[in-house]
Amino acid sequence: MSNMRITINIRYTGKNNSVKYFLQEMKESGTIDAIRAEEGNLRYEYYWSLEDSDTVLLIDSWESQEALDAHHASPMMETIASLREKYDIHMTVERYYRAEDLISDDRFIRR
């Protein structure tokens, strides 16, 4: 499974606009652009919740487990952890593998 594409959905939650300030600092520090430029990164995008303005969804996709492991070992992870602590941001995480990498369901997928 190590060479399969991986998508991770991370829900960041906070209070009193802390998620907004967290994302502002992530952007202004260049951390978001640096992650997007990392080898193996396929997607790194944030989406606001319509129901809860203090919740944001990050969709984070990688070419392989090795690329994700390299990202986790990078100095950016320390920056992200520090900002999550600074703004008291909490997370829930879900991991997905691309269906085409697991089984062939092409006959059910309309492109």
PDB file of N, CA and C in Angstrom:
ATOM      1  N   MET A   1       0.812  -1.213   0.000  1.00  0.00           N
ATOM      2  CA  MET A   1       0.000   0.000   0.000  1.00  0.00           C
ATOM      3  C   MET A   1       0.845   1.262   0.000  1.00  0.00           C
ATOM      4  N   SER A   2       2.152   1.144   0.147  1.00  0.00           N
ATOM      5  CA  SER A   2       2.982   2.331   0.309  1.00  0.00           C
ATOM      6  C   SER A   2       3.058   3.197  -0.942  1.00  0.00           C
ATOM      7  N   ASN A   3       2.800   2.639  -2.124  1.00  0.00           N
ATOM      8  CA  ASN A   3       2.896   3.449  -3.327  1.00  0.00           C
ATOM      9  C   ASN A   3       1.532   3.942  -3.807  1.00  0.00           C
ATOM     10  N   MET A   4       0.499   3.818  -2.998  1.00  0.00           N
ATOM     11  CA  MET A   4      -0.833   4.295  -3.363  1.00  0.00           C
ATOM     12  C   MET A   4      -1.013   5.756  -3.002  1.00  0.00           C
ATOM     13  N   ARG A   5      -1.806   6.443  -3.790  1.00  0.00           N
ATOM     14  CA  ARG A   5      -2.145   7.821  -3.467  1.00  0.00           C
ATOM     15  C   ARG A   5      -2.994   7.865  -2.208  1.00  0.00           C
ATOM     16  N   ILE A   6      -2.728   8.861  -1.390  1.00  0.00           N
ATOM     17  CA  ILE A   6      -3.396   8.995  -0.098  1.00  0.00           C
ATOM     18  C   ILE A   6      -4.034  10.376  -0.016  1.00  0.00           C
ATOM     19  N   THR A   7      -5.266  10.421   0.446  1.00  0.00           N
ATOM     20  CA  THR A   7      -5.930  11.689   0.736  1.00  0.00           C
ATOM     21  C   THR A   7      -6.301  11.692   2.207  1.00  0.00           C
ATOM     22  N   ILE A   8      -5.979  12.790   2.858  1.00  0.00           N
ATOM     23  CA  ILE A   8      -6.269  12.934   4.277  1.00  0.00           C
ATOM     24  C   ILE A   8      -7.186  14.141   4.442  1.00  0.00           C
ATOM     25  N   ASN A   9      -8.330  13.914   5.079  1.00  0.00           N
ATOM     26  CA  ASN A   9      -9.237  15.005   5.425  1.00  0.00           C
ATOM     27  C   ASN A   9      -9.011  15.340   6.888  1.00  0.00           C
ATOM     28  N   ILE A  10      -8.649  16.593   7.125  1.00  0.00           N
ATOM     29  CA  ILE A  10      -8.420  17.048   8.495  1.00  0.00           C
ATOM     30  C   ILE A  10      -9.397  18.186   8.786  1.00  0.00           C
ATOM     31  N   ARG A  11     -10.208  17.989   9.814  1.00  0.00           N
ATOM     32  CA  ARG A  11     -11.107  19.060  10.258  1.00  0.00           C
ATOM     33  C   ARG A  11     -10.427  19.783  11.409  1.00  0.00           C
ATOM     34  N   TYR A  12     -10.170  21.065  11.190  1.00  0.00           N
ATOM     35  CA  TYR A  12      -9.595  21.918  12.219  1.00  0.00           C
ATOM     36  C   TYR A  12     -10.730  22.683  12.878  1.00  0.00           C
ATOM     37  N   THR A  13     -10.787  22.664  14.211  1.00  0.00           N
ATOM     38  CA  THR A  13     -11.803  23.431  14.926  1.00  0.00           C
ATOM     39  C   THR A  13     -11.150  24.268  16.009  1.00  0.00           C
ATOM     40  N   GLY A  14     -11.765  25.385  16.267  1.00  0.00           N
ATOM     41  CA  GLY A  14     -11.296  26.294  17.301  1.00  0.00           C
ATOM     42  C   GLY A  14     -12.462  27.108  17.824  1.00  0.00           C
ATOM     43  N   LYS A  15     -12.130  28.213  18.485  1.00  0.00           N
ATOM     44  CA  LYS A  15     -13.155  29.103  19.032  1.00  0.00           C
ATOM     45  C   LYS A  15     -12.764  30.542  18.745  1.00  0.00           C
ATOM     46  N   ASN A  16     -13.793  31.390  18.613  1.00  0.00           N
ATOM     47  CA  ASN A  16     -13.591  32.839  18.480  1.00  0.00           C
ATOM     48  C   ASN A  16     -12.646  33.212  17.332  1.00  0.00           C
ATOM     49  N   ASN A  17     -12.882  32.626  16.166  1.00  0.00           N
ATOM     50  CA  ASN A  17     -12.104  32.921  14.954  1.00  0.00           C
ATOM     51  C   ASN A  17     -10.666  32.424  14.988  1.00  0.00           C
ATOM     52  N   SER A  18     -10.323  31.544  15.932  1.00  0.00           N
ATOM     53  CA  SER A  18      -8.941  31.088  16.011  1.00  0.00           C
ATOM     54  C   SER A  18      -8.508  30.332  14.754  1.00  0.00           C
ATOM     55  N   VAL A  19      -9.431  29.623  14.112  1.00  0.00           N
ATOM     56  CA  VAL A  19      -9.095  28.907  12.877  1.00  0.00           C
ATOM     57  C   VAL A  19      -8.744  29.907  11.779  1.00  0.00           C
ATOM     58  N   LYS A  20      -9.480  30.991  11.726  1.00  0.00           N
ATOM     59  CA  LYS A  20      -9.197  32.044  10.740  1.00  0.00           C
ATOM     60  C   LYS A  20      -7.785  32.600  10.942  1.00  0.00           C
ATOM     61  N   TYR A  21      -7.421  32.876  12.171  1.00  0.00           N
ATOM     62  CA  TYR A  21      -6.090  33.431  12.456  1.00  0.00           C
ATOM     63  C   TYR A  21      -4.984  32.393  12.199  1.00  0.00           C
ATOM     64  N   PHE A  22      -5.278  31.138  12.524  1.00  0.00           N
ATOM     65  CA  PHE A  22      -4.347  30.049  12.234  1.00  0.00           C
ATOM     66  C   PHE A  22      -4.058  30.001  10.732  1.00  0.00           C
ATOM     67  N   LEU A  23      -5.112  30.017   9.913  1.00  0.00           N
ATOM     68  CA  LEU A  23      -4.927  29.938   8.460  1.00  0.00           C
ATOM     69  C   LEU A  23      -4.245  31.184   7.903  1.00  0.00           C
ATOM     70  N   GLN A  24      -4.558  32.347   8.456  1.00  0.00           N
ATOM     71  CA  GLN A  24      -3.877  33.575   8.021  1.00  0.00           C
ATOM     72  C   GLN A  24      -2.377  33.446   8.239  1.00  0.00           C
ATOM     73  N   GLU A  25      -1.994  32.959   9.399  1.00  0.00           N
ATOM     74  CA  GLU A  25      -0.571  32.840   9.690  1.00  0.00           C
ATOM     75  C   GLU A  25       0.077  31.735   8.850  1.00  0.00           C
ATOM     76  N   MET A  26      -0.650  30.655   8.610  1.00  0.00           N
ATOM     77  CA  MET A  26      -0.142  29.601   7.721  1.00  0.00           C
ATOM     78  C   MET A  26       0.145  30.177   6.336  1.00  0.00           C
ATOM     79  N   LYS A  27      -0.759  31.002   5.842  1.00  0.00           N
ATOM     80  CA  LYS A  27      -0.600  31.593   4.504  1.00  0.00           C
ATOM     81  C   LYS A  27       0.508  32.639   4.502  1.00  0.00           C
ATOM     82  N   GLU A  28       0.456  33.566   5.443  1.00  0.00           N
ATOM     83  CA  GLU A  28       1.431  34.665   5.479  1.00  0.00           C
ATOM     84  C   GLU A  28       2.852  34.179   5.731  1.00  0.00           C
ATOM     85  N   SER A  29       3.009  33.076   6.444  1.00  0.00           N
ATOM     86  CA  SER A  29       4.344  32.538   6.721  1.00  0.00           C
ATOM     87  C   SER A  29       4.919  31.780   5.527  1.00  0.00           C
ATOM     88  N   GLY A  30       4.078  31.531   4.519  1.00  0.00           N
ATOM     89  CA  GLY A  30       4.527  30.787   3.348  1.00  0.00           C
ATOM     90  C   GLY A  30       4.435  29.282   3.522  1.00  0.00           C
ATOM     91  N   THR A  31       3.905  28.837   4.652  1.00  0.00           N
ATOM     92  CA  THR A  31       3.837  27.408   4.928  1.00  0.00           C
ATOM     93  C   THR A  31       2.925  26.688   3.944  1.00  0.00           C
ATOM     94  N   ILE A  32       1.780  27.261   3.620  1.00  0.00           N
ATOM     95  CA  ILE A  32       0.856  26.624   2.678  1.00  0.00           C
ATOM     96  C   ILE A  32       1.520  26.452   1.316  1.00  0.00           C
ATOM     97  N   ASP A  33       2.139  27.505   0.801  1.00  0.00           N
ATOM     98  CA  ASP A  33       2.814  27.407  -0.501  1.00  0.00           C
ATOM     99  C   ASP A  33       3.960  26.410  -0.464  1.00  0.00           C
ATOM    100  N   ALA A  34       4.683  26.361   0.642  1.00  0.00           N
ATOM    101  CA  ALA A  34       5.803  25.422   0.762  1.00  0.00           C
ATOM    102  C   ALA A  34       5.309  23.978   0.751  1.00  0.00           C
ATOM    103  N   ILE A  35       4.199  23.711   1.414  1.00  0.00           N
ATOM    104  CA  ILE A  35       3.643  22.356   1.417  1.00  0.00           C
ATOM    105  C   ILE A  35       3.194  21.980   0.014  1.00  0.00           C
ATOM    106  N   ARG A  36       2.514  22.895  -0.662  1.00  0.00           N
ATOM    107  CA  ARG A  36       2.061  22.618  -2.031  1.00  0.00           C
ATOM    108  C   ARG A  36       3.224  22.350  -2.977  1.00  0.00           C
ATOM    109  N   ALA A  37       4.382  22.916  -2.680  1.00  0.00           N
ATOM    110  CA  ALA A  37       5.558  22.741  -3.540  1.00  0.00           C
ATOM    111  C   ALA A  37       6.357  21.479  -3.204  1.00  0.00           C
ATOM    112  N   GLU A  38       6.013  20.814  -2.106  1.00  0.00           N
ATOM    113  CA  GLU A  38       6.755  19.620  -1.715  1.00  0.00           C
ATOM    114  C   GLU A  38       6.590  18.516  -2.758  1.00  0.00           C
ATOM    115  N   GLU A  39       7.663  17.759  -2.962  1.00  0.00           N
ATOM    116  CA  GLU A  39       7.610  16.634  -3.880  1.00  0.00           C
ATOM    117  C   GLU A  39       6.574  15.634  -3.387  1.00  0.00           C
ATOM    118  N   GLY A  40       5.686  15.241  -4.265  1.00  0.00           N
ATOM    119  CA  GLY A  40       4.663  14.260  -3.928  1.00  0.00           C
ATOM    120  C   GLY A  40       3.344  14.842  -3.472  1.00  0.00           C
ATOM    121  N   ASN A  41       3.279  16.163  -3.238  1.00  0.00           N
ATOM    122  CA  ASN A  41       2.001  16.754  -2.842  1.00  0.00           C
ATOM    123  C   ASN A  41       1.126  16.921  -4.074  1.00  0.00           C
ATOM    124  N   LEU A  42      -0.096  16.427  -4.002  1.00  0.00           N
ATOM    125  CA  LEU A  42      -1.040  16.513  -5.117  1.00  0.00           C
ATOM    126  C   LEU A  42      -2.120  17.560  -4.876  1.00  0.00           C
ATOM    127  N   ARG A  43      -2.436  17.803  -3.601  1.00  0.00           N
ATOM    128  CA  ARG A  43      -3.517  18.738  -3.285  1.00  0.00           C
ATOM    129  C   ARG A  43      -3.373  19.165  -1.832  1.00  0.00           C
ATOM    130  N   TYR A  44      -3.563  20.452  -1.600  1.00  0.00           N
ATOM    131  CA  TYR A  44      -3.535  20.990  -0.246  1.00  0.00           C
ATOM    132  C   TYR A  44      -4.473  22.184  -0.255  1.00  0.00           C
ATOM    133  N   GLU A  45      -5.738  21.956   0.143  1.00  0.00           N
ATOM    134  CA  GLU A  45      -6.773  22.989   0.045  1.00  0.00           C
ATOM    135  C   GLU A  45      -7.644  23.007   1.297  1.00  0.00           C
ATOM    136  N   TYR A  46      -8.002  24.214   1.715  1.00  0.00           N
ATOM    137  CA  TYR A  46      -8.862  24.407   2.876  1.00  0.00           C
ATOM    138  C   TYR A  46     -10.261  24.840   2.435  1.00  0.00           C
ATOM    139  N   TYR A  47     -11.292  24.371   3.169  1.00  0.00           N
ATOM    140  CA  TYR A  47     -12.683  24.713   2.892  1.00  0.00           C
ATOM    141  C   TYR A  47     -13.389  25.032   4.198  1.00  0.00           C
ATOM    142  N   TRP A  48     -14.138  26.153   4.218  1.00  0.00           N
ATOM    143  CA  TRP A  48     -14.891  26.556   5.408  1.00  0.00           C
ATOM    144  C   TRP A  48     -16.190  25.772   5.505  1.00  0.00           C
ATOM    145  N   SER A  49     -16.583  25.464   6.730  1.00  0.00           N
ATOM    146  CA  SER A  49     -17.863  24.824   6.996  1.00  0.00           C
ATOM    147  C   SER A  49     -18.978  25.869   6.879  1.00  0.00           C
ATOM    148  N   LEU A  50     -20.065  25.499   6.227  1.00  0.00           N
ATOM    149  CA  LEU A  50     -21.225  26.396   6.150  1.00  0.00           C
ATOM    150  C   LEU A  50     -21.955  26.472   7.484  1.00  0.00           C
ATOM    151  N   GLU A  51     -21.902  25.393   8.256  1.00  0.00           N
ATOM    152  CA  GLU A  51     -22.631  25.317   9.516  1.00  0.00           C
ATOM    153  C   GLU A  51     -21.865  25.862  10.710  1.00  0.00           C
ATOM    154  N   ASP A  52     -20.529  25.903  10.617  1.00  0.00           N
ATOM    155  CA  ASP A  52     -19.719  26.286  11.771  1.00  0.00           C
ATOM    156  C   ASP A  52     -18.509  27.085  11.296  1.00  0.00           C
ATOM    157  N   SER A  53     -18.533  28.379  11.501  1.00  0.00           N
ATOM    158  CA  SER A  53     -17.451  29.239  11.007  1.00  0.00           C
ATOM    159  C   SER A  53     -16.128  29.013  11.734  1.00  0.00           C
ATOM    160  N   ASP A  54     -16.137  28.234  12.798  1.00  0.00           N
ATOM    161  CA  ASP A  54     -14.906  27.904  13.517  1.00  0.00           C
ATOM    162  C   ASP A  54     -14.371  26.518  13.132  1.00  0.00           C
ATOM    163  N   THR A  55     -14.847  25.991  11.992  1.00  0.00           N
ATOM    164  CA  THR A  55     -14.375  24.704  11.489  1.00  0.00           C
ATOM    165  C   THR A  55     -13.961  24.836  10.030  1.00  0.00           C
ATOM    166  N   VAL A  56     -12.801  24.268   9.724  1.00  0.00           N
ATOM    167  CA  VAL A  56     -12.274  24.264   8.359  1.00  0.00           C
ATOM    168  C   VAL A  56     -11.868  22.836   8.022  1.00  0.00           C
ATOM    169  N   LEU A  57     -12.098  22.445   6.772  1.00  0.00           N
ATOM    170  CA  LEU A  57     -11.673  21.137   6.291  1.00  0.00           C
ATOM    171  C   LEU A  57     -10.450  21.314   5.401  1.00  0.00           C
ATOM    172  N   LEU A  58      -9.403  20.573   5.696  1.00  0.00           N
ATOM    173  CA  LEU A  58      -8.215  20.520   4.845  1.00  0.00           C
ATOM    174  C   LEU A  58      -8.260  19.217   4.075  1.00  0.00           C
ATOM    175  N   ILE A  59      -8.173  19.303   2.751  1.00  0.00           N
ATOM    176  CA  ILE A  59      -8.009  18.122   1.910  1.00  0.00           C
ATOM    177  C   ILE A  59      -6.556  18.112   1.471  1.00  0.00           C
ATOM    178  N   ASP A  60      -5.856  17.079   1.883  1.00  0.00           N
ATOM    179  CA  ASP A  60      -4.403  16.977   1.731  1.00  0.00           C
ATOM    180  C   ASP A  60      -4.099  15.656   1.035  1.00  0.00           C
ATOM    181  N   SER A  61      -3.604  15.692  -0.213  1.00  0.00           N
ATOM    182  CA  SER A  61      -3.362  14.465  -0.976  1.00  0.00           C
ATOM    183  C   SER A  61      -1.895  14.326  -1.338  1.00  0.00           C
ATOM    184  N   TRP A  62      -1.429  13.066  -1.301  1.00  0.00           N
ATOM    185  CA  TRP A  62      -0.023  12.748  -1.547  1.00  0.00           C
ATOM    186  C   TRP A  62       0.097  11.572  -2.494  1.00  0.00           C
ATOM    187  N   GLU A  63       1.176  11.553  -3.287  1.00  0.00           N
ATOM    188  CA  GLU A  63       1.413  10.479  -4.254  1.00  0.00           C
ATOM    189  C   GLU A  63       1.613   9.128  -3.581  1.00  0.00           C
ATOM    190  N   SER A  64       2.176   9.121  -2.384  1.00  0.00           N
ATOM    191  CA  SER A  64       2.528   7.861  -1.728  1.00  0.00           C
ATOM    192  C   SER A  64       2.732   8.082  -0.233  1.00  0.00           C
ATOM    193  N   GLN A  65       2.810   6.989   0.487  1.00  0.00           N
ATOM    194  CA  GLN A  65       3.116   7.060   1.913  1.00  0.00           C
ATOM    195  C   GLN A  65       4.505   7.654   2.132  1.00  0.00           C
ATOM    196  N   GLU A  66       5.446   7.327   1.244  1.00  0.00           N
ATOM    197  CA  GLU A  66       6.802   7.865   1.361  1.00  0.00           C
ATOM    198  C   GLU A  66       6.806   9.390   1.262  1.00  0.00           C
ATOM    199  N   ALA A  67       6.020   9.937   0.337  1.00  0.00           N
ATOM    200  CA  ALA A  67       5.941  11.398   0.201  1.00  0.00           C
ATOM    201  C   ALA A  67       5.325  12.012   1.458  1.00  0.00           C
ATOM    202  N   LEU A  68       4.306  11.375   1.988  1.00  0.00           N
ATOM    203  CA  LEU A  68       3.672  11.860   3.214  1.00  0.00           C
ATOM    204  C   LEU A  68       4.638  11.772   4.392  1.00  0.00           C
ATOM    205  N   ASP A  69       5.389  10.684   4.480  1.00  0.00           N
ATOM    206  CA  ASP A  69       6.377  10.538   5.551  1.00  0.00           C
ATOM    207  C   ASP A  69       7.439  11.631   5.472  1.00  0.00           C
ATOM    208  N   ALA A  70       7.880  11.964   4.258  1.00  0.00           N
ATOM    209  CA  ALA A  70       8.870  13.039   4.079  1.00  0.00           C
ATOM    210  C   ALA A  70       8.288  14.369   4.538  1.00  0.00           C
ATOM    211  N   HIS A  71       7.023  14.602   4.219  1.00  0.00           N
ATOM    212  CA  HIS A  71       6.351  15.830   4.678  1.00  0.00           C
ATOM    213  C   HIS A  71       6.303  15.868   6.206  1.00  0.00           C
ATOM    214  N   HIS A  72       5.926  14.740   6.806  1.00  0.00           N
ATOM    215  CA  HIS A  72       5.843  14.685   8.269  1.00  0.00           C
ATOM    216  C   HIS A  72       7.194  14.887   8.938  1.00  0.00           C
ATOM    217  N   ALA A  73       8.271  14.567   8.255  1.00  0.00           N
ATOM    218  CA  ALA A  73       9.624  14.743   8.797  1.00  0.00           C
ATOM    219  C   ALA A  73      10.196  16.130   8.514  1.00  0.00           C
ATOM    220  N   SER A  74       9.471  16.941   7.756  1.00  0.00           N
ATOM    221  CA  SER A  74       9.973  18.264   7.364  1.00  0.00           C
ATOM    222  C   SER A  74       9.808  19.281   8.496  1.00  0.00           C
ATOM    223  N   PRO A  75      10.582  20.369   8.437  1.00  0.00           N
ATOM    224  CA  PRO A  75      10.456  21.437   9.448  1.00  0.00           C
ATOM    225  C   PRO A  75       9.077  22.094   9.446  1.00  0.00           C
ATOM    226  N   MET A  76       8.345  21.980   8.358  1.00  0.00           N
ATOM    227  CA  MET A  76       7.006  22.580   8.296  1.00  0.00           C
ATOM    228  C   MET A  76       6.064  21.983   9.331  1.00  0.00           C
ATOM    229  N   MET A  77       6.251  20.712   9.652  1.00  0.00           N
ATOM    230  CA  MET A  77       5.371  20.081  10.635  1.00  0.00           C
ATOM    231  C   MET A  77       5.536  20.733  12.007  1.00  0.00           C
ATOM    232  N   GLU A  78       6.742  21.139  12.336  1.00  0.00           N
ATOM    233  CA  GLU A  78       6.971  21.843  13.593  1.00  0.00           C
ATOM    234  C   GLU A  78       6.253  23.189  13.591  1.00  0.00           C
ATOM    235  N   THR A  79       6.304  23.871  12.457  1.00  0.00           N
ATOM    236  CA  THR A  79       5.601  25.153  12.314  1.00  0.00           C
ATOM    237  C   THR A  79       4.104  24.954  12.481  1.00  0.00           C
ATOM    238  N   ILE A  80       3.556  23.961  11.802  1.00  0.00           N
ATOM    239  CA  ILE A  80       2.115  23.695  11.875  1.00  0.00           C
ATOM    240  C   ILE A  80       1.705  23.346  13.308  1.00  0.00           C
ATOM    241  N   ALA A  81       2.458  22.469  13.949  1.00  0.00           N
ATOM    242  CA  ALA A  81       2.151  22.074  15.333  1.00  0.00           C
ATOM    243  C   ALA A  81       2.210  23.276  16.267  1.00  0.00           C
ATOM    244  N   SER A  82       3.191  24.121  16.059  1.00  0.00           N
ATOM    245  CA  SER A  82       3.333  25.322  16.884  1.00  0.00           C
ATOM    246  C   SER A  82       2.136  26.257  16.704  1.00  0.00           C
ATOM    247  N   LEU A  83       1.687  26.426  15.470  1.00  0.00           N
ATOM    248  CA  LEU A  83       0.533  27.298  15.206  1.00  0.00           C
ATOM    249  C   LEU A  83      -0.755  26.691  15.749  1.00  0.00           C
ATOM    250  N   ARG A  84      -0.893  25.376  15.660  1.00  0.00           N
ATOM    251  CA  ARG A  84      -2.087  24.738  16.233  1.00  0.00           C
ATOM    252  C   ARG A  84      -2.126  24.964  17.741  1.00  0.00           C
ATOM    253  N   GLU A  85      -0.980  24.874  18.371  1.00  0.00           N
ATOM    254  CA  GLU A  85      -0.899  25.116  19.814  1.00  0.00           C
ATOM    255  C   GLU A  85      -1.209  26.590  20.125  1.00  0.00           C
ATOM    256  N   LYS A  86      -0.603  27.484  19.372  1.00  0.00           N
ATOM    257  CA  LYS A  86      -0.781  28.925  19.586  1.00  0.00           C
ATOM    258  C   LYS A  86      -2.253  29.326  19.527  1.00  0.00           C
ATOM    259  N   TYR A  87      -2.991  28.762  18.557  1.00  0.00           N
ATOM    260  CA  TYR A  87      -4.390  29.142  18.365  1.00  0.00           C
ATOM    261  C   TYR A  87      -5.377  28.136  18.971  1.00  0.00           C
ATOM    262  N   ASP A  88      -4.878  27.158  19.739  1.00  0.00           N
ATOM    263  CA  ASP A  88      -5.705  26.144  20.396  1.00  0.00           C
ATOM    264  C   ASP A  88      -6.629  25.454  19.391  1.00  0.00           C
ATOM    265  N   ILE A  89      -6.035  24.969  18.315  1.00  0.00           N
ATOM    266  CA  ILE A  89      -6.763  24.298  17.247  1.00  0.00           C
ATOM    267  C   ILE A  89      -6.769  22.794  17.510  1.00  0.00           C
ATOM    268  N   HIS A  90      -7.935  22.178  17.357  1.00  0.00           N
ATOM    269  CA  HIS A  90      -8.090  20.735  17.531  1.00  0.00           C
ATOM    270  C   HIS A  90      -8.451  20.113  16.188  1.00  0.00           C
ATOM    271  N   MET A  91      -8.193  18.798  16.068  1.00  0.00           N
ATOM    272  CA  MET A  91      -8.338  18.159  14.768  1.00  0.00           C
ATOM    273  C   MET A  91      -9.045  16.806  14.875  1.00  0.00           C
ATOM    274  N   THR A  92      -9.724  16.450  13.792  1.00  0.00           N
ATOM    275  CA  THR A  92     -10.131  15.075  13.545  1.00  0.00           C
ATOM    276  C   THR A  92      -9.555  14.721  12.181  1.00  0.00           C
ATOM    277  N   VAL A  93      -9.156  13.464  12.007  1.00  0.00           N
ATOM    278  CA  VAL A  93      -8.445  13.061  10.797  1.00  0.00           C
ATOM    279  C   VAL A  93      -9.075  11.812  10.211  1.00  0.00           C
ATOM    280  N   GLU A  94      -9.254  11.815   8.883  1.00  0.00           N
ATOM    281  CA  GLU A  94      -9.717  10.642   8.132  1.00  0.00           C
ATOM    282  C   GLU A  94      -8.750  10.423   6.981  1.00  0.00           C
ATOM    283  N   ARG A  95      -8.415   9.171   6.701  1.00  0.00           N
ATOM    284  CA  ARG A  95      -7.465   8.843   5.630  1.00  0.00           C
ATOM    285  C   ARG A  95      -8.182   7.985   4.587  1.00  0.00           C
ATOM    286  N   TYR A  96      -7.925   8.310   3.308  1.00  0.00           N
ATOM    287  CA  TYR A  96      -8.534   7.584   2.201  1.00  0.00           C
ATOM    288  C   TYR A  96      -7.476   7.216   1.167  1.00  0.00           C
ATOM    289  N   TYR A  97      -7.726   6.101   0.480  1.00  0.00           N
ATOM    290  CA  TYR A  97      -6.892   5.695  -0.643  1.00  0.00           C
ATOM    291  C   TYR A  97      -7.737   5.805  -1.905  1.00  0.00           C
ATOM    292  N   ARG A  98      -7.112   6.179  -2.994  1.00  0.00           N
ATOM    293  CA  ARG A  98      -7.813   6.343  -4.257  1.00  0.00           C
ATOM    294  C   ARG A  98      -8.420   5.006  -4.676  1.00  0.00           C
ATOM    295  N   ALA A  99      -9.693   5.005  -5.044  1.00  0.00           N
ATOM    296  CA  ALA A  99     -10.401   3.775  -5.394  1.00  0.00           C
ATOM    297  C   ALA A  99      -9.702   3.023  -6.526  1.00  0.00           C
ATOM    298  N   GLU A 100      -9.190   3.753  -7.503  1.00  0.00           N
ATOM    299  CA  GLU A 100      -8.538   3.107  -8.642  1.00  0.00           C
ATOM    300  C   GLU A 100      -7.298   2.334  -8.215  1.00  0.00           C
ATOM    301  N   ASP A 101      -6.686   2.725  -7.098  1.00  0.00           N
ATOM    302  CA  ASP A 101      -5.514   2.021  -6.606  1.00  0.00           C
ATOM    303  C   ASP A 101      -5.888   0.745  -5.849  1.00  0.00           C
ATOM    304  N   LEU A 102      -7.111   0.692  -5.352  1.00  0.00           N
ATOM    305  CA  LEU A 102      -7.535  -0.458  -4.566  1.00  0.00           C
ATOM    306  C   LEU A 102      -8.232  -1.509  -5.422  1.00  0.00           C
ATOM    307  N   ILE A 103      -9.232  -1.065  -6.172  1.00  0.00           N
ATOM    308  CA  ILE A 103     -10.004  -1.969  -7.032  1.00  0.00           C
ATOM    309  C   ILE A 103     -10.406  -1.235  -8.291  1.00  0.00           C
ATOM    310  N   SER A 104     -10.766  -1.955  -9.285  1.00  0.00           N
ATOM    311  CA  SER A 104     -11.187  -1.327 -10.527  1.00  0.00           C
ATOM    312  C   SER A 104     -12.709  -1.236 -10.564  1.00  0.00           C
ATOM    313  N   ASP A 105     -13.220  -0.040 -10.339  1.00  0.00           N
ATOM    314  CA  ASP A 105     -14.655   0.231 -10.406  1.00  0.00           C
ATOM    315  C   ASP A 105     -14.976   1.120 -11.592  1.00  0.00           C
ATOM    316  N   ASP A 106     -14.136   1.118 -12.610  1.00  0.00           N
ATOM    317  CA  ASP A 106     -14.306   2.035 -13.742  1.00  0.00           C
ATOM    318  C   ASP A 106     -15.699   1.939 -14.358  1.00  0.00           C
ATOM    319  N   ARG A 107     -16.288   0.782 -14.352  1.00  0.00           N
ATOM    320  CA  ARG A 107     -17.611   0.654 -14.990  1.00  0.00           C
ATOM    321  C   ARG A 107     -18.686   1.394 -14.200  1.00  0.00           C
ATOM    322  N   PHE A 108     -18.404   1.767 -12.945  1.00  0.00           N
ATOM    323  CA  PHE A 108     -19.379   2.485 -12.124  1.00  0.00           C
ATOM    324  C   PHE A 108     -19.117   3.973 -12.039  1.00  0.00           C
ATOM    325  N   ILE A 109     -17.969   4.420 -12.562  1.00  0.00           N
ATOM    326  CA  ILE A 109     -17.561   5.822 -12.418  1.00  0.00           C
ATOM    327  C   ILE A 109     -17.768   6.546 -13.744  1.00  0.00           C
ATOM    328  N   ARG A 110     -18.609   7.565 -13.719  1.00  0.00           N
ATOM    329  CA  ARG A 110     -18.846   8.377 -14.912  1.00  0.00           C
ATOM    330  C   ARG A 110     -17.860   9.528 -14.903  1.00  0.00           C
ATOM    331  N   ARG A 111     -17.041   9.615 -15.907  1.00  0.00           N
ATOM    332  CA  ARG A 111     -16.027  10.671 -15.994  1.00  0.00           C
ATOM    333  C   ARG A 111     -16.445  11.763 -16.933  1.00  0.00           C
TER     334      ARG A 111
END
